[in-house]
Amino acid sequence: MRQIILDTETTGLDPNQGHRIIEIAAVEMVNRRLTGVNLHRYVQPDREIDSGAMQVHGISNEFLLDKPRFGDIAGEFMEFVQGAELIIHNAPFDVGFLNMELKLAGQPLLASLVAGVTDTLAMAKALHPGQRNNLDALCKRYGVDNSARTLHGALVDCELLAAVYLALTRGQESLSIGLDDHVRDELDSVRRERPRPVKVVASGAECEAHAATLAAIAKESKGACLWLTRVAGDTGGGPV
């Protein structure tokens, strides 16, 4: 299963007010393991960045002057995410911006490119209702080291979100997830080599000795032998 952990940084909060994407990062994960294949691009938005947004991600207008426009990287982006499931924290925000950029570039919308979108913020809210579920809070809750995250950045946020997503979904997988390959191979070998259970049947003499013991207990307890009562009830008769 191919999944893409995705994040964007933008000039502001609302694409319907003309705000644009200025950074996009996508990290590939196959069968719950990061492959090391990433897509990371800065984008010239052709507009000023809001001061509030700049304080969050630290990207300046001057830094973006020589960067490509989204239309220039749209083909590369679409090829990278094609057919994958997207994993995004607060997905409606990023999907809204991506769809706006794709529309402006004359390209199909995201839903026609990917297999689906999973919102880790919605997942976290369902698992931890009433608690803080931003990325920093989830990193702390699941023991993910986010000390390198002094500002929001699309690539570092993707890498942190990948670790958080694996922690959020760990209970859905087998107990062997996270084991080294050689450890998993050893466990599989043990399972294959484990002998079948052997059925042992009591001999006639053993059955007679067992019945004599139960009779002695019944006599000593004046008929209060629980094991004898259970045997009688199971067989529909007296002692065996």
Protein backbone atom coordinates (compact mmCIF):
# COMPACT_ATOMS: atom_id res chain seq x y z
CA MET A 1 0.00 0.00 0.00
CA ARG A 2 1.48 3.34 -1.09
CA GLN A 3 0.74 6.34 1.11
CA ILE A 4 1.93 9.94 0.84
CA ILE A 5 2.33 12.10 3.94
CA LEU A 6 1.64 15.61 2.70
CA ASP A 7 1.85 19.17 4.05
CA THR A 8 1.76 22.68 2.63
CA GLU A 9 2.64 26.18 3.81
CA THR A 10 0.66 29.12 2.44
CA THR A 11 0.48 32.91 2.23
CA GLY A 12 -2.63 32.94 4.45
CA LEU A 13 -5.64 30.99 5.59
CA ASP A 14 -8.18 31.04 2.76
CA PRO A 15 -7.61 30.12 -0.91
CA ASN A 16 -10.96 31.71 -1.78
CA GLN A 17 -9.46 35.05 -0.75
CA GLY A 18 -6.56 34.65 -3.17
CA HIS A 19 -4.07 33.03 -0.82
CA ARG A 20 -1.63 30.60 -2.41
CA ILE A 21 0.67 27.70 -1.62
CA ILE A 22 4.33 28.65 -1.08
CA GLU A 23 5.77 25.32 0.05
CA ILE A 24 4.70 21.73 -0.56
CA ALA A 25 6.23 18.52 0.77
CA ALA A 26 5.25 14.91 0.22
CA VAL A 27 6.94 11.89 1.85
CA GLU A 28 6.39 8.39 0.46
CA MET A 29 5.52 5.44 2.71
CA VAL A 30 4.99 1.90 1.42
CA ASN A 31 3.64 -0.85 3.68
CA ARG A 32 4.05 1.47 6.69
CA ARG A 33 7.75 2.10 6.04
CA LEU A 34 9.26 5.37 4.79
CA THR A 35 11.04 4.79 1.50
CA GLY A 36 13.26 7.88 1.53
CA VAL A 37 11.55 9.13 -1.67
CA ASN A 38 10.29 12.67 -1.11
CA LEU A 39 8.98 15.64 -3.06
CA HIS A 40 9.77 19.10 -1.66
CA ARG A 41 9.30 22.36 -3.53
CA TYR A 42 9.02 26.09 -2.72
CA VAL A 43 6.58 28.01 -4.89
CA GLN A 44 6.36 31.64 -6.02
CA PRO A 45 2.79 32.75 -5.13
CA ASP A 46 2.67 36.03 -7.07
CA ARG A 47 1.35 37.82 -3.98
CA GLU A 48 2.53 39.01 -0.59
CA ILE A 49 2.63 36.67 2.39
CA ASP A 50 0.48 37.73 5.35
CA SER A 51 2.58 38.79 8.34
CA GLY A 52 0.77 36.30 10.58
CA ALA A 53 1.57 33.43 8.22
CA MET A 54 5.20 34.53 7.96
CA GLN A 55 5.53 34.33 11.74
CA VAL A 56 4.33 30.72 11.64
CA HIS A 57 6.58 29.34 8.87
CA GLY A 58 9.32 31.96 8.58
CA ILE A 59 9.28 32.03 4.77
CA SER A 60 9.80 35.51 3.33
CA ASN A 61 8.61 37.12 0.10
CA GLU A 62 12.25 37.73 -0.93
CA PHE A 63 13.13 34.03 -0.52
CA LEU A 64 10.43 33.04 -3.02
CA LEU A 65 11.29 35.54 -5.78
CA ASP A 66 13.27 33.03 -7.88
CA LYS A 67 11.12 29.98 -7.15
CA PRO A 68 8.87 28.28 -9.75
CA ARG A 69 5.14 28.84 -9.84
CA PHE A 70 2.77 26.02 -8.96
CA GLY A 71 1.86 25.53 -12.61
CA ASP A 72 5.52 24.77 -13.31
CA ILE A 73 5.59 21.90 -10.80
CA ALA A 74 1.98 20.70 -11.18
CA GLY A 75 2.91 17.79 -13.45
CA GLU A 76 5.64 16.63 -11.09
CA PHE A 77 3.28 16.85 -8.13
CA MET A 78 0.47 14.97 -9.86
CA GLU A 79 2.81 12.18 -10.94
CA PHE A 80 4.15 11.81 -7.40
CA VAL A 81 0.76 11.48 -5.69
CA GLN A 82 -0.96 9.51 -8.47
CA GLY A 83 -2.92 6.55 -7.08
CA ALA A 84 -1.69 6.96 -3.50
CA GLU A 85 -3.60 7.55 -0.27
CA LEU A 86 -2.79 10.99 1.14
CA ILE A 87 -2.19 11.36 4.88
CA ILE A 88 -2.72 14.99 5.94
CA HIS A 89 -3.17 16.73 9.30
CA ASN A 90 -6.25 18.99 9.00
CA ALA A 91 -6.83 17.73 5.47
CA PRO A 92 -9.60 20.18 4.46
CA PHE A 93 -7.12 23.07 4.70
CA ASP A 94 -4.44 21.55 2.45
CA VAL A 95 -6.91 19.93 0.05
CA GLY A 96 -8.69 23.26 -0.41
CA PHE A 97 -5.42 24.97 -1.35
CA LEU A 98 -4.27 22.13 -3.60
CA ASN A 99 -7.56 22.05 -5.48
CA MET A 100 -7.41 25.80 -6.00
CA GLU A 101 -3.84 25.59 -7.33
CA LEU A 102 -4.70 22.66 -9.61
CA LYS A 103 -7.74 24.53 -10.92
CA LEU A 104 -5.69 27.66 -11.64
CA ALA A 105 -3.15 25.48 -13.45
CA GLY A 106 -5.88 23.93 -15.60
CA GLN A 107 -5.41 20.49 -14.05
CA PRO A 108 -7.88 17.93 -12.63
CA LEU A 109 -8.79 18.17 -8.96
CA LEU A 110 -7.14 16.05 -6.31
CA ALA A 111 -9.97 13.50 -5.93
CA SER A 112 -9.37 12.26 -9.48
CA LEU A 113 -5.65 11.74 -8.83
CA VAL A 114 -5.45 9.93 -5.50
CA ALA A 115 -6.99 6.83 -3.92
CA GLY A 116 -8.27 8.78 -0.93
CA VAL A 117 -7.38 11.25 1.82
CA THR A 118 -6.98 10.43 5.52
CA ASP A 119 -7.23 13.30 8.00
CA THR A 120 -5.04 12.60 11.04
CA LEU A 121 -6.58 15.52 12.91
CA ALA A 122 -10.02 13.91 12.67
CA MET A 123 -8.49 10.59 13.76
CA ALA A 124 -6.81 12.20 16.76
CA LYS A 125 -9.99 14.01 17.82
CA ALA A 126 -11.89 10.72 17.76
CA LEU A 127 -9.20 8.98 19.83
CA HIS A 128 -8.55 11.88 22.23
CA PRO A 129 -11.75 13.96 22.50
CA GLY A 130 -11.46 17.20 24.40
CA GLN A 131 -7.66 17.24 24.23
CA ARG A 132 -5.21 19.28 22.17
CA ASN A 133 -4.54 17.44 18.91
CA ASN A 134 -2.22 19.72 16.98
CA LEU A 135 1.01 18.17 15.69
CA ASP A 136 3.13 19.34 18.63
CA ALA A 137 0.65 17.94 21.16
CA LEU A 138 0.50 14.59 19.33
CA CYS A 139 4.29 14.38 19.15
CA LYS A 140 4.44 14.85 22.92
CA ARG A 141 1.63 12.33 23.53
CA TYR A 142 3.27 9.63 21.40
CA GLY A 143 6.89 10.32 22.30
CA VAL A 144 7.92 11.68 18.88
CA ASP A 145 10.98 13.95 19.05
CA ASN A 146 9.99 17.31 17.54
CA SER A 147 12.88 19.35 18.94
CA ALA A 148 13.94 20.32 15.40
CA ARG A 149 10.57 21.98 14.77
CA THR A 150 11.25 25.59 15.75
CA LEU A 151 8.97 26.85 12.95
CA HIS A 152 6.37 25.17 10.78
CA GLY A 153 8.00 23.69 7.70
CA ALA A 154 6.31 21.36 5.22
CA LEU A 155 9.06 18.73 5.01
CA VAL A 156 9.84 18.43 8.72
CA ASP A 157 6.11 18.43 9.48
CA CYS A 158 5.62 15.54 7.04
CA GLU A 159 8.34 13.51 8.73
CA LEU A 160 6.84 14.15 12.17
CA LEU A 161 3.34 13.38 10.92
CA ALA A 162 4.53 10.05 9.50
CA ALA A 163 5.68 8.99 12.97
CA VAL A 164 2.46 10.25 14.57
CA TYR A 165 0.32 8.45 11.97
CA LEU A 166 2.08 5.15 12.64
CA ALA A 167 1.45 5.63 16.36
CA LEU A 168 -2.21 6.55 15.80
CA THR A 169 -2.81 3.43 13.70
CA ARG A 170 -0.54 0.96 15.49
CA GLY A 171 -3.48 -0.87 17.09
CA GLN A 172 -4.90 -1.69 13.66
CA GLU A 173 -1.89 -3.78 12.70
CA SER A 174 -0.35 -7.06 13.81
CA LEU A 175 1.78 -7.26 16.94
CA SER A 176 4.90 -7.81 14.82
CA ILE A 177 4.86 -4.25 13.39
CA GLY A 178 8.08 -2.42 14.17
CA LEU A 179 10.14 -5.57 14.67
CA ASP A 180 13.38 -5.87 12.74
CA ASP A 181 13.19 -8.24 9.79
CA HIS A 182 15.47 -10.85 11.38
CA VAL A 183 13.36 -10.87 14.56
CA ARG A 184 10.16 -11.32 12.54
CA ASP A 185 11.81 -14.17 10.59
CA GLU A 186 12.77 -15.89 13.84
CA LEU A 187 9.20 -15.61 15.13
CA ASP A 188 7.86 -17.05 11.90
CA SER A 189 10.35 -19.93 12.16
CA VAL A 190 9.23 -20.70 15.71
CA ARG A 191 5.60 -20.72 14.58
CA ARG A 192 6.40 -23.15 11.75
CA GLU A 193 8.45 -25.50 13.94
CA ARG A 194 6.10 -25.61 16.92
CA PRO A 195 4.84 -29.24 17.29
CA ARG A 196 1.18 -30.10 17.09
CA PRO A 197 -0.58 -30.73 20.46
CA VAL A 198 -0.65 -34.41 21.48
CA LYS A 199 -3.92 -35.83 22.81
CA VAL A 200 -3.34 -38.07 25.87
CA VAL A 201 -6.12 -40.54 26.80
CA ALA A 202 -6.33 -41.99 30.35
CA SER A 203 -5.99 -45.77 30.65
CA GLY A 204 -8.65 -47.97 32.21
CA ALA A 205 -6.61 -48.33 35.40
CA GLU A 206 -6.20 -44.56 35.65
CA CYS A 207 -9.95 -44.06 35.23
CA GLU A 208 -10.64 -46.59 37.99
CA ALA A 209 -8.15 -44.90 40.32
CA HIS A 210 -9.71 -41.50 39.59
CA ALA A 211 -13.21 -42.84 40.35
CA ALA A 212 -11.98 -44.40 43.64
CA THR A 213 -10.44 -41.07 44.68
CA LEU A 214 -13.69 -39.20 43.97
CA ALA A 215 -15.67 -41.81 45.95
CA ALA A 216 -13.34 -41.42 48.93
CA ILE A 217 -13.70 -37.63 48.83
CA ALA A 218 -17.49 -37.98 48.64
CA LYS A 219 -17.52 -40.28 51.67
CA GLU A 220 -15.28 -37.99 53.72
CA SER A 221 -17.32 -34.89 52.79
CA LYS A 222 -20.65 -36.62 53.29
CA GLY A 223 -21.67 -36.29 49.66
CA ALA A 224 -20.30 -32.77 49.07
CA CYS A 225 -17.75 -33.75 46.43
CA LEU A 226 -18.12 -31.05 43.76
CA TRP A 227 -16.06 -32.95 41.18
CA LEU A 228 -18.28 -36.03 41.59
CA THR A 229 -21.42 -33.89 41.17
CA ARG A 230 -20.01 -32.35 37.97
CA VAL A 231 -19.10 -35.78 36.56
CA ALA A 232 -22.58 -37.14 37.31
CA GLY A 233 -24.18 -34.09 35.71
CA ASP A 234 -22.00 -34.37 32.61
CA THR A 235 -22.61 -38.10 32.10
CA GLY A 236 -26.22 -38.25 33.17
CA GLY A 237 -25.47 -40.95 35.74
CA GLY A 238 -23.42 -41.90 38.78
CA PRO A 239 -19.67 -42.03 39.29
CA VAL A 240 -17.48 -43.25 36.45
